[in-house]
C-alpha atoms as a PDB file:
ATOM      1  CA  MET A   1      88.352 115.121 133.781  1.00  0.00           C
ATOM      2  CA  LYS A   2      91.097 113.293 135.531  1.00  0.00           C
ATOM      3  CA  ILE A   3      92.248 116.420 137.202  1.00  0.00           C
ATOM      4  CA  VAL A   4      88.884 116.972 138.819  1.00  0.00           C
ATOM      5  CA  PHE A   5      88.821 113.211 139.944  1.00  0.00           C
ATOM      6  CA  LEU A   6      92.270 113.672 141.378  1.00  0.00           C
ATOM      7  CA  ALA A   7      91.139 116.880 143.094  1.00  0.00           C
ATOM      8  CA  LEU A   8      88.099 115.241 144.645  1.00  0.00           C
ATOM      9  CA  THR A   9      90.389 112.332 145.835  1.00  0.00           C
ATOM     10  CA  LEU A  10      92.500 114.956 147.585  1.00  0.00           C
ATOM     11  CA  LEU A  11      89.666 116.379 149.118  1.00  0.00           C
ATOM     12  CA  SER A  12      88.672 113.003 150.659  1.00  0.00           C
ATOM     13  CA  VAL A  13      92.269 112.380 151.759  1.00  0.00           C
ATOM     14  CA  ALA A  14      92.360 115.942 153.477  1.00  0.00           C
ATOM     15  CA  ALA A  15      89.055 115.053 155.184  1.00  0.00           C
ATOM     16  CA  SER A  16      90.300 112.042 157.054  1.00  0.00           C
ATOM     17  CA  ALA A  17      93.585 110.058 157.223  1.00  0.00           C
ATOM     18  CA  GLY A  18      91.518 106.739 156.714  1.00  0.00           C
ATOM     19  CA  ALA A  19      90.082 108.031 153.464  1.00  0.00           C
ATOM     20  CA  LEU A  20      93.141 107.171 151.383  1.00  0.00           C
ATOM     21  CA  ALA A  21      91.243 104.536 149.363  1.00  0.00           C
ATOM     22  CA  HIS A  22      88.194 106.652 148.985  1.00  0.00           C
ATOM     23  CA  SER A  23      87.778 108.915 145.976  1.00  0.00           C
ATOM     24  CA  GLY A  24      85.208 111.409 144.899  1.00  0.00           C
ATOM     25  CA  THR A  25      82.141 109.865 143.539  1.00  0.00           C
ATOM     26  CA  GLU A  26      81.026 110.419 139.944  1.00  0.00           C
ATOM     27  CA  GLN A  27      78.466 112.870 141.140  1.00  0.00           C
ATOM     28  CA  GLU A  28      80.732 114.887 143.095  1.00  0.00           C
ATOM     29  CA  GLU A  29      83.157 115.049 140.243  1.00  0.00           C
ATOM     30  CA  LYS A  30      80.381 116.250 137.983  1.00  0.00           C
ATOM     31  CA  ALA A  31      79.400 118.995 140.491  1.00  0.00           C
ATOM     32  CA  CYS A  32      82.919 120.549 140.282  1.00  0.00           C
ATOM     33  CA  SER A  33      83.933 119.678 136.633  1.00  0.00           C
ATOM     34  CA  ARG A  34      82.426 122.879 135.141  1.00  0.00           C
ATOM     35  CA  ASP A  35      83.925 124.978 137.945  1.00  0.00           C
ATOM     36  CA  VAL A  36      87.199 123.631 137.353  1.00  0.00           C
ATOM     37  CA  GLN A  37      87.031 124.318 133.793  1.00  0.00           C
ATOM     38  CA  ARG A  38      85.793 127.858 134.235  1.00  0.00           C
ATOM     39  CA  PHE A  39      88.024 129.111 137.078  1.00  0.00           C
ATOM     40  CA  CYS A  40      91.146 126.645 137.049  1.00  0.00           C
ATOM     41  CA  ARG A  41      91.638 125.606 133.442  1.00  0.00           C
ATOM     42  CA  LYS A  42      94.958 127.427 132.976  1.00  0.00           C
ATOM     43  CA  LEU A  43      96.264 125.796 136.183  1.00  0.00           C
ATOM     44  CA  MET A  44      95.353 122.129 135.244  1.00  0.00           C
ATOM     45  CA  ASP A  45      98.863 121.186 134.363  1.00  0.00           C
ATOM     46  CA  GLN A  46     100.098 122.229 137.832  1.00  0.00           C
ATOM     47  CA  GLY A  47      98.811 119.530 139.915  1.00  0.00           C
ATOM     48  CA  ASP A  48      95.954 118.537 142.172  1.00  0.00           C
ATOM     49  CA  PHE A  49      96.834 120.703 145.096  1.00  0.00           C
ATOM     50  CA  THR A  50      96.857 123.569 142.697  1.00  0.00           C
ATOM     51  CA  ILE A  51      93.420 122.789 141.479  1.00  0.00           C
ATOM     52  CA  LEU A  52      92.087 122.360 145.031  1.00  0.00           C
ATOM     53  CA  ALA A  53      93.678 125.824 146.132  1.00  0.00           C
ATOM     54  CA  CYS A  54      92.183 127.365 143.055  1.00  0.00           C
ATOM     55  CA  LEU A  55      88.638 126.051 143.904  1.00  0.00           C
ATOM     56  CA  LYS A  56      88.958 127.198 147.324  1.00  0.00           C
ATOM     57  CA  GLU A  57      90.216 130.535 146.157  1.00  0.00           C
ATOM     58  CA  ASN A  58      87.148 130.935 143.936  1.00  0.00           C
ATOM     59  CA  ARG A  59      84.718 129.460 146.529  1.00  0.00           C
ATOM     60  CA  SER A  60      82.266 132.431 146.318  1.00  0.00           C
ATOM     61  CA  LYS A  61      81.897 132.031 142.513  1.00  0.00           C
ATOM     62  CA  LEU A  62      81.514 128.204 142.561  1.00  0.00           C
ATOM     63  CA  SER A  63      78.224 126.623 141.775  1.00  0.00           C
ATOM     64  CA  PRO A  64      76.328 125.664 144.981  1.00  0.00           C
ATOM     65  CA  ALA A  65      76.834 121.924 144.138  1.00  0.00           C
ATOM     66  CA  CYS A  66      80.732 122.306 144.136  1.00  0.00           C
ATOM     67  CA  ARG A  67      80.724 124.475 147.220  1.00  0.00           C
ATOM     68  CA  TYR A  68      78.786 121.574 148.908  1.00  0.00           C
ATOM     69  CA  VAL A  69      81.390 119.087 147.749  1.00  0.00           C
ATOM     70  CA  LEU A  70      84.201 121.178 149.279  1.00  0.00           C
ATOM     71  CA  VAL A  71      82.331 121.723 152.611  1.00  0.00           C
ATOM     72  CA  SER A  72      81.329 118.042 152.847  1.00  0.00           C
ATOM     73  CA  HIS A  73      85.026 117.036 152.509  1.00  0.00           C
ATOM     74  CA  GLY A  74      86.255 119.525 155.089  1.00  0.00           C
ATOM     75  CA  GLN A  75      87.500 122.125 152.872  1.00  0.00           C
END
Protein backbone atom coordinates (compact mmCIF):
# COMPACT_ATOMS: atom_id res chain seq x y z
CA MET A 1 0.00 0.00 0.00
CA LYS A 2 2.93 2.32 0.67
CA ILE A 3 4.12 1.88 -2.92
CA VAL A 4 0.77 3.05 -4.25
CA PHE A 5 0.85 6.06 -1.94
CA LEU A 6 4.36 6.93 -3.05
CA ALA A 7 3.50 6.47 -6.72
CA LEU A 8 0.58 8.85 -6.31
CA THR A 9 2.85 11.29 -4.54
CA LEU A 10 5.15 11.19 -7.54
CA LEU A 11 2.17 11.78 -9.80
CA SER A 12 1.42 14.88 -7.79
CA VAL A 13 5.02 16.07 -7.94
CA ALA A 14 5.15 15.55 -11.69
CA ALA A 15 1.96 17.55 -12.11
CA SER A 16 3.51 20.72 -10.69
CA ALA A 17 6.70 21.84 -9.03
CA GLY A 18 4.76 23.32 -6.13
CA ALA A 19 3.16 20.00 -5.33
CA LEU A 20 6.04 18.57 -3.33
CA ALA A 21 4.03 18.69 -0.11
CA HIS A 22 0.92 17.27 -1.80
CA SER A 23 0.29 13.56 -1.84
CA GLY A 24 -2.39 11.43 -3.41
CA THR A 25 -5.61 11.32 -1.49
CA GLU A 26 -6.83 8.14 0.11
CA GLN A 27 -9.48 7.94 -2.62
CA GLU A 28 -6.82 8.22 -5.34
CA GLU A 29 -4.73 5.56 -3.64
CA LYS A 30 -7.70 3.20 -3.54
CA ALA A 31 -8.45 3.93 -7.20
CA CYS A 32 -5.08 2.53 -8.29
CA SER A 33 -4.18 0.00 -5.60
CA ARG A 34 -5.90 -2.91 -7.34
CA ASP A 35 -4.29 -2.01 -10.67
CA VAL A 36 -0.85 -1.82 -9.06
CA GLN A 37 -1.39 -5.26 -7.51
CA ARG A 38 -2.67 -6.68 -10.79
CA PHE A 39 -0.18 -5.25 -13.29
CA CYS A 40 2.85 -4.08 -11.33
CA ARG A 41 3.16 -6.47 -8.38
CA LYS A 42 6.46 -7.98 -9.52
CA LEU A 43 7.97 -4.49 -9.84
CA MET A 44 6.94 -3.19 -6.42
CA ASP A 45 10.44 -3.50 -4.99
CA GLN A 46 11.98 -1.47 -7.82
CA GLY A 47 10.85 1.97 -6.73
CA ASP A 48 8.12 4.49 -7.28
CA PHE A 49 9.13 5.66 -10.74
CA THR A 50 9.04 2.06 -11.90
CA ILE A 51 5.50 1.67 -10.55
CA LEU A 52 4.44 4.87 -12.26
CA ALA A 53 5.99 3.71 -15.53
CA CYS A 54 4.22 0.37 -15.17
CA LEU A 55 0.87 2.06 -14.66
CA LYS A 56 1.46 4.24 -17.69
CA GLU A 57 2.50 1.24 -19.80
CA ASN A 58 -0.69 -0.56 -18.81
CA ARG A 59 -2.95 2.48 -19.17
CA SER A 60 -5.37 0.76 -21.56
CA LYS A 61 -5.91 -2.07 -19.05
CA LEU A 62 -6.34 0.14 -15.96
CA SER A 63 -9.64 0.72 -14.26
CA PRO A 64 -11.38 3.93 -15.33
CA ALA A 65 -10.82 5.35 -11.84
CA CYS A 66 -7.06 4.79 -11.97
CA ARG A 67 -6.82 6.18 -15.51
CA TYR A 68 -8.61 9.28 -14.25
CA VAL A 69 -6.07 9.65 -11.42
CA LEU A 70 -3.20 9.48 -13.93
CA VAL A 71 -4.82 12.03 -16.23
CA SER A 72 -5.75 14.37 -13.38
CA HIS A 73 -2.09 14.42 -12.32
CA GLY A 74 -0.78 15.15 -15.81
CA GLN A 75 0.33 11.63 -16.63
